[in-house]
C-alpha cells in the first residue's frame, strides 16, 4: 500500500497557512497561486481516475477565502487516487513502459505543493 501521508501532510500544512493568511496576502497572489495548485491537483486526480479521455472540469474560482479548502480537498482527492492506482498496479502483472509509477507521481505532487507554498507565502 502506498503511503500518501507526505502529500496529505504537505497539503494540510499549506491549506492551514492559507486559512490563517491575512486578506492582503491572499489578494497579493497567494490565493491565485493556491487556486492554480488546486486545479493542477484536481487534474492529476482526474487523469488517474478517468484516464486522458475523461471529461475536462476545472476547480472554480470561489474567492480567496475558500482556496485553502480547495487545496485541501483536491490534495486529498489526489492522495486517494494515487493509493487506488498503486493498489491496482500491484495487482497487475505489468504496466506500460511510459507510465509513471504511483510513487513517482506522489513525489512529484509533494514537490508541486511545496513549491506552490513557497511562492504563495513569500
N, C-alpha and C. Protein backbone atom coordinates (compact mmCIF):
# COMPACT_ATOMS: atom_id res chain seq x y z
N UNK A 1 0.84 -1.18 0.00
CA UNK A 1 0.00 0.00 0.00
C UNK A 1 0.88 1.24 0.00
N UNK A 2 0.55 2.19 -0.84
CA UNK A 2 1.30 3.43 -0.97
C UNK A 2 0.97 4.38 0.19
N UNK A 3 1.99 4.84 0.87
CA UNK A 3 1.81 5.80 1.97
C UNK A 3 1.72 7.20 1.37
N UNK A 4 0.54 7.77 1.36
CA UNK A 4 0.33 9.09 0.77
C UNK A 4 0.40 10.20 1.82
N UNK A 5 0.82 9.87 3.03
CA UNK A 5 0.86 10.88 4.08
C UNK A 5 1.80 12.06 3.77
N UNK A 6 2.90 11.88 3.02
CA UNK A 6 3.69 13.07 2.69
C UNK A 6 2.87 14.10 1.89
N UNK A 7 2.01 13.63 1.01
CA UNK A 7 1.17 14.54 0.23
C UNK A 7 0.09 15.17 1.12
N UNK A 8 -0.60 14.36 1.88
CA UNK A 8 -1.67 14.92 2.71
C UNK A 8 -1.10 15.87 3.75
N UNK A 9 0.07 15.57 4.29
CA UNK A 9 0.69 16.47 5.26
C UNK A 9 1.06 17.80 4.62
N UNK A 10 1.66 17.75 3.44
CA UNK A 10 2.04 18.99 2.73
C UNK A 10 0.82 19.82 2.37
N UNK A 11 -0.22 19.15 1.90
CA UNK A 11 -1.46 19.84 1.51
C UNK A 11 -2.11 20.48 2.73
N UNK A 12 -2.19 19.75 3.82
CA UNK A 12 -2.82 20.30 5.03
C UNK A 12 -2.03 21.48 5.60
N UNK A 13 -0.71 21.37 5.56
CA UNK A 13 0.13 22.47 6.06
C UNK A 13 -0.12 23.73 5.24
N UNK A 14 -0.12 23.60 3.92
CA UNK A 14 -0.34 24.75 3.05
C UNK A 14 -1.76 25.29 3.23
N UNK A 15 -2.74 24.40 3.29
CA UNK A 15 -4.13 24.83 3.46
C UNK A 15 -4.30 25.60 4.77
N UNK A 16 -3.68 25.12 5.83
CA UNK A 16 -3.76 25.82 7.12
C UNK A 16 -3.14 27.20 7.03
N UNK A 17 -2.02 27.31 6.35
CA UNK A 17 -1.38 28.62 6.19
C UNK A 17 -2.25 29.56 5.38
N UNK A 18 -2.91 29.04 4.37
CA UNK A 18 -3.82 29.87 3.58
C UNK A 18 -5.01 30.33 4.40
N UNK A 19 -5.56 29.44 5.20
CA UNK A 19 -6.72 29.79 6.03
C UNK A 19 -6.36 30.87 7.05
N UNK A 20 -5.12 30.87 7.50
CA UNK A 20 -4.68 31.83 8.51
C UNK A 20 -4.10 33.11 7.90
N UNK A 21 -3.91 33.13 6.61
CA UNK A 21 -3.28 34.28 5.95
C UNK A 21 -4.21 35.49 5.96
N UNK A 22 -3.63 36.67 6.11
CA UNK A 22 -4.45 37.88 6.04
C UNK A 22 -4.97 38.11 4.62
N UNK A 23 -6.04 38.81 4.52
CA UNK A 23 -6.65 39.09 3.23
C UNK A 23 -5.66 39.75 2.27
N UNK A 24 -4.83 40.63 2.77
CA UNK A 24 -3.88 41.34 1.91
C UNK A 24 -2.91 40.36 1.24
N UNK A 25 -2.44 39.36 1.97
CA UNK A 25 -1.53 38.38 1.39
C UNK A 25 -2.25 37.54 0.34
N UNK A 26 -3.46 37.13 0.66
CA UNK A 26 -4.23 36.34 -0.30
C UNK A 26 -4.44 37.11 -1.59
N UNK A 27 -4.75 38.39 -1.47
CA UNK A 27 -5.02 39.21 -2.66
C UNK A 27 -3.75 39.58 -3.42
N UNK A 28 -2.60 39.52 -2.76
CA UNK A 28 -1.34 39.82 -3.44
C UNK A 28 -0.81 38.64 -4.25
N UNK A 29 -1.53 37.56 -4.29
CA UNK A 29 -1.10 36.46 -5.15
C UNK A 29 -1.15 35.09 -4.53
N UNK A 30 -1.25 35.01 -3.20
CA UNK A 30 -1.27 33.70 -2.57
C UNK A 30 -2.50 32.90 -2.99
N UNK A 31 -3.64 33.57 -3.08
CA UNK A 31 -4.87 32.87 -3.47
C UNK A 31 -4.79 32.39 -4.91
N UNK A 32 -4.25 33.20 -5.78
CA UNK A 32 -4.12 32.81 -7.19
C UNK A 32 -3.17 31.62 -7.34
N UNK A 33 -2.08 31.64 -6.62
CA UNK A 33 -1.12 30.53 -6.64
C UNK A 33 -1.77 29.25 -6.12
N UNK A 34 -2.52 29.38 -5.04
CA UNK A 34 -3.18 28.22 -4.45
C UNK A 34 -4.27 27.68 -5.37
N UNK A 35 -5.01 28.55 -6.02
CA UNK A 35 -6.05 28.10 -6.94
C UNK A 35 -5.43 27.34 -8.11
N UNK A 36 -4.33 27.85 -8.62
CA UNK A 36 -3.62 27.15 -9.70
C UNK A 36 -3.18 25.75 -9.24
N UNK A 37 -2.69 25.67 -8.02
CA UNK A 37 -2.29 24.38 -7.46
C UNK A 37 -3.50 23.45 -7.34
N UNK A 38 -4.60 23.94 -6.79
CA UNK A 38 -5.80 23.12 -6.62
C UNK A 38 -6.27 22.58 -7.97
N UNK A 39 -6.21 23.42 -8.98
CA UNK A 39 -6.63 22.98 -10.32
C UNK A 39 -5.70 21.89 -10.85
N UNK A 40 -4.41 22.03 -10.62
CA UNK A 40 -3.46 21.02 -11.09
C UNK A 40 -3.64 19.70 -10.33
N UNK A 41 -3.82 19.78 -9.03
CA UNK A 41 -4.04 18.56 -8.24
C UNK A 41 -5.31 17.85 -8.70
N UNK A 42 -6.36 18.62 -8.96
CA UNK A 42 -7.62 18.03 -9.42
C UNK A 42 -7.45 17.36 -10.77
N UNK A 43 -6.71 17.98 -11.67
CA UNK A 43 -6.49 17.40 -13.00
C UNK A 43 -5.69 16.09 -12.89
N UNK A 44 -4.71 16.08 -12.02
CA UNK A 44 -3.92 14.85 -11.85
C UNK A 44 -4.78 13.72 -11.29
N UNK A 45 -5.63 14.04 -10.34
CA UNK A 45 -6.54 13.01 -9.79
C UNK A 45 -7.50 12.53 -10.87
N UNK A 46 -8.04 13.45 -11.64
CA UNK A 46 -8.99 13.08 -12.70
C UNK A 46 -8.34 12.16 -13.72
N UNK A 47 -7.10 12.47 -14.12
CA UNK A 47 -6.41 11.62 -15.09
C UNK A 47 -6.16 10.22 -14.54
N UNK A 48 -5.86 10.13 -13.26
CA UNK A 48 -5.67 8.81 -12.65
C UNK A 48 -6.97 8.02 -12.61
N UNK A 49 -8.04 8.70 -12.29
CA UNK A 49 -9.33 8.03 -12.12
C UNK A 49 -10.03 7.73 -13.44
N UNK A 50 -9.94 8.66 -14.39
CA UNK A 50 -10.73 8.55 -15.62
C UNK A 50 -9.89 8.33 -16.86
N UNK A 51 -8.59 8.50 -16.76
CA UNK A 51 -7.74 8.39 -17.93
C UNK A 51 -7.70 9.70 -18.70
N UNK A 52 -6.90 9.76 -19.75
CA UNK A 52 -6.74 11.01 -20.50
C UNK A 52 -8.00 11.43 -21.26
N UNK A 53 -8.93 10.52 -21.47
CA UNK A 53 -10.15 10.85 -22.22
C UNK A 53 -11.27 11.35 -21.32
N UNK A 54 -11.04 11.47 -20.02
CA UNK A 54 -12.07 11.91 -19.09
C UNK A 54 -12.53 13.33 -19.36
N UNK A 55 -13.68 13.65 -18.83
CA UNK A 55 -14.26 14.98 -19.01
C UNK A 55 -13.36 16.04 -18.38
N UNK A 56 -13.26 17.16 -19.05
CA UNK A 56 -12.45 18.27 -18.54
C UNK A 56 -13.33 19.10 -17.61
N UNK A 57 -12.88 19.23 -16.37
CA UNK A 57 -13.57 20.05 -15.37
C UNK A 57 -12.51 20.93 -14.71
N UNK A 58 -12.94 22.05 -14.20
CA UNK A 58 -11.99 22.95 -13.57
C UNK A 58 -12.50 23.37 -12.21
N UNK A 59 -11.61 23.46 -11.25
CA UNK A 59 -11.95 23.96 -9.93
C UNK A 59 -12.33 25.43 -10.10
N UNK A 60 -13.51 25.81 -9.62
CA UNK A 60 -13.95 27.20 -9.81
C UNK A 60 -13.20 28.18 -8.91
N UNK A 61 -13.15 29.41 -9.34
CA UNK A 61 -12.59 30.47 -8.51
C UNK A 61 -13.71 30.94 -7.58
N UNK A 62 -13.68 30.45 -6.36
CA UNK A 62 -14.73 30.77 -5.39
C UNK A 62 -14.29 31.89 -4.43
N UNK A 63 -13.17 32.50 -4.72
CA UNK A 63 -12.70 33.61 -3.89
C UNK A 63 -11.52 33.23 -3.02
N UNK A 64 -10.83 34.24 -2.52
CA UNK A 64 -9.59 34.00 -1.78
C UNK A 64 -9.79 33.32 -0.43
N UNK A 65 -10.98 33.41 0.15
CA UNK A 65 -11.18 32.83 1.48
C UNK A 65 -11.54 31.35 1.44
N UNK A 66 -11.72 30.80 0.26
CA UNK A 66 -12.10 29.40 0.09
C UNK A 66 -10.94 28.56 -0.43
N UNK A 67 -9.92 29.20 -0.93
CA UNK A 67 -8.86 28.50 -1.64
C UNK A 67 -8.10 27.51 -0.75
N UNK A 68 -7.98 27.77 0.53
CA UNK A 68 -7.33 26.81 1.42
C UNK A 68 -8.09 25.49 1.45
N UNK A 69 -9.41 25.59 1.50
CA UNK A 69 -10.23 24.38 1.48
C UNK A 69 -10.14 23.67 0.13
N UNK A 70 -10.06 24.44 -0.95
CA UNK A 70 -9.93 23.83 -2.28
C UNK A 70 -8.62 23.06 -2.40
N UNK A 71 -7.56 23.61 -1.88
CA UNK A 71 -6.27 22.91 -1.90
C UNK A 71 -6.36 21.63 -1.07
N UNK A 72 -6.97 21.73 0.10
CA UNK A 72 -7.08 20.55 0.98
C UNK A 72 -7.90 19.44 0.31
N UNK A 73 -9.02 19.79 -0.27
CA UNK A 73 -9.90 18.78 -0.88
C UNK A 73 -9.26 18.15 -2.11
N UNK A 74 -8.70 18.95 -2.99
CA UNK A 74 -8.11 18.39 -4.20
C UNK A 74 -6.86 17.59 -3.88
N UNK A 75 -6.12 18.00 -2.86
CA UNK A 75 -4.94 17.24 -2.45
C UNK A 75 -5.31 15.88 -1.88
N UNK A 76 -6.37 15.85 -1.07
CA UNK A 76 -6.84 14.57 -0.53
C UNK A 76 -7.39 13.68 -1.64
N UNK A 77 -8.08 14.28 -2.60
CA UNK A 77 -8.59 13.51 -3.74
C UNK A 77 -7.44 12.86 -4.50
N UNK A 78 -6.38 13.62 -4.74
CA UNK A 78 -5.23 13.07 -5.44
C UNK A 78 -4.58 11.97 -4.62
N UNK A 79 -4.46 12.14 -3.33
CA UNK A 79 -3.87 11.11 -2.48
C UNK A 79 -4.68 9.81 -2.58
N UNK A 80 -5.99 9.92 -2.57
CA UNK A 80 -6.85 8.74 -2.71
C UNK A 80 -6.68 8.09 -4.08
N UNK A 81 -6.60 8.90 -5.12
CA UNK A 81 -6.43 8.36 -6.48
C UNK A 81 -5.08 7.67 -6.61
N UNK A 82 -4.04 8.23 -6.01
CA UNK A 82 -2.72 7.61 -6.05
C UNK A 82 -2.71 6.28 -5.31
N UNK A 83 -3.36 6.24 -4.16
CA UNK A 83 -3.42 4.99 -3.39
C UNK A 83 -4.15 3.92 -4.18
N UNK A 84 -5.25 4.30 -4.83
CA UNK A 84 -6.01 3.33 -5.63
C UNK A 84 -5.20 2.86 -6.83
N UNK A 85 -4.46 3.78 -7.46
CA UNK A 85 -3.63 3.42 -8.61
C UNK A 85 -2.51 2.48 -8.19
N UNK A 86 -1.94 2.72 -7.02
CA UNK A 86 -0.87 1.84 -6.52
C UNK A 86 -1.41 0.45 -6.23
N UNK A 87 -2.59 0.40 -5.67
CA UNK A 87 -3.20 -0.91 -5.37
C UNK A 87 -3.51 -1.66 -6.66
N UNK A 88 -4.03 -0.94 -7.65
CA UNK A 88 -4.33 -1.57 -8.94
C UNK A 88 -3.05 -2.04 -9.62
N UNK A 89 -1.99 -1.23 -9.53
CA UNK A 89 -0.72 -1.60 -10.17
C UNK A 89 -0.09 -2.80 -9.50
N UNK A 90 -0.28 -2.94 -8.21
CA UNK A 90 0.31 -4.09 -7.52
C UNK A 90 -0.38 -5.38 -7.91
N UNK A 91 -1.63 -5.28 -8.35
CA UNK A 91 -2.34 -6.47 -8.79
C UNK A 91 -2.11 -6.80 -10.25
N UNK A 92 -1.58 -5.85 -11.00
CA UNK A 92 -1.33 -6.05 -12.42
C UNK A 92 0.03 -6.70 -12.62
N UNK A 93 0.13 -7.52 -13.62
CA UNK A 93 1.40 -8.20 -13.91
C UNK A 93 2.45 -7.24 -14.44
N UNK A 94 2.04 -6.31 -15.25
CA UNK A 94 2.99 -5.36 -15.84
C UNK A 94 2.26 -4.08 -16.16
N UNK A 95 3.04 -3.01 -16.32
CA UNK A 95 2.45 -1.75 -16.73
C UNK A 95 3.21 -1.24 -17.94
N UNK A 96 2.63 -0.28 -18.62
CA UNK A 96 3.26 0.27 -19.82
C UNK A 96 4.59 0.91 -19.45
N UNK A 97 5.56 0.81 -20.32
CA UNK A 97 6.89 1.36 -20.05
C UNK A 97 6.88 2.86 -19.85
N UNK A 98 5.97 3.56 -20.52
CA UNK A 98 5.95 5.02 -20.43
C UNK A 98 5.10 5.52 -19.26
N UNK A 99 4.43 4.65 -18.54
CA UNK A 99 3.60 5.06 -17.42
C UNK A 99 4.47 5.26 -16.17
N UNK A 100 4.16 6.32 -15.42
CA UNK A 100 4.88 6.57 -14.18
C UNK A 100 4.28 5.72 -13.07
N UNK A 101 5.11 5.30 -12.18
CA UNK A 101 4.64 4.57 -11.01
C UNK A 101 3.92 5.55 -10.08
N UNK A 102 2.90 5.10 -9.36
CA UNK A 102 2.21 5.98 -8.42
C UNK A 102 3.15 6.63 -7.40
N UNK A 103 4.20 5.93 -6.99
CA UNK A 103 5.15 6.52 -6.04
C UNK A 103 5.88 7.71 -6.66
N UNK A 104 6.19 7.64 -7.96
CA UNK A 104 6.82 8.77 -8.65
C UNK A 104 5.85 9.94 -8.74
N UNK A 105 4.60 9.64 -9.05
CA UNK A 105 3.58 10.69 -9.13
C UNK A 105 3.37 11.33 -7.76
N UNK A 106 3.45 10.54 -6.71
CA UNK A 106 3.32 11.07 -5.35
C UNK A 106 4.46 12.04 -5.06
N UNK A 107 5.67 11.64 -5.37
CA UNK A 107 6.83 12.53 -5.14
C UNK A 107 6.69 13.84 -5.90
N UNK A 108 6.24 13.75 -7.15
CA UNK A 108 6.04 14.95 -7.96
C UNK A 108 4.97 15.86 -7.35
N UNK A 109 3.90 15.27 -6.86
CA UNK A 109 2.81 16.05 -6.28
C UNK A 109 3.27 16.75 -5.00
N UNK A 110 4.02 16.06 -4.17
CA UNK A 110 4.53 16.68 -2.94
C UNK A 110 5.42 17.86 -3.29
N UNK A 111 6.30 17.69 -4.25
CA UNK A 111 7.19 18.78 -4.67
C UNK A 111 6.37 19.95 -5.24
N UNK A 112 5.33 19.64 -5.99
CA UNK A 112 4.46 20.67 -6.56
C UNK A 112 3.82 21.50 -5.45
N UNK A 113 3.31 20.84 -4.43
CA UNK A 113 2.67 21.54 -3.31
C UNK A 113 3.70 22.39 -2.56
N UNK A 114 4.85 21.84 -2.31
CA UNK A 114 5.88 22.57 -1.57
C UNK A 114 6.35 23.81 -2.33
N UNK A 115 6.53 23.68 -3.64
CA UNK A 115 6.93 24.85 -4.44
C UNK A 115 5.83 25.91 -4.46
N UNK A 116 4.59 25.50 -4.59
CA UNK A 116 3.48 26.45 -4.60
C UNK A 116 3.39 27.18 -3.25
N UNK A 117 3.61 26.45 -2.17
CA UNK A 117 3.57 27.08 -0.85
C UNK A 117 4.66 28.14 -0.72
N UNK A 118 5.84 27.83 -1.17
CA UNK A 118 6.95 28.80 -1.09
C UNK A 118 6.61 30.05 -1.91
N UNK A 119 6.12 29.86 -3.13
CA UNK A 119 5.77 31.02 -3.98
C UNK A 119 4.64 31.83 -3.37
N UNK A 120 3.65 31.18 -2.82
CA UNK A 120 2.48 31.87 -2.30
C UNK A 120 2.76 32.62 -1.00
N UNK A 121 3.63 32.09 -0.19
CA UNK A 121 3.81 32.66 1.15
C UNK A 121 5.05 33.53 1.30
N UNK A 122 5.74 33.83 0.22
CA UNK A 122 6.92 34.69 0.37
C UNK A 122 6.54 36.13 0.53
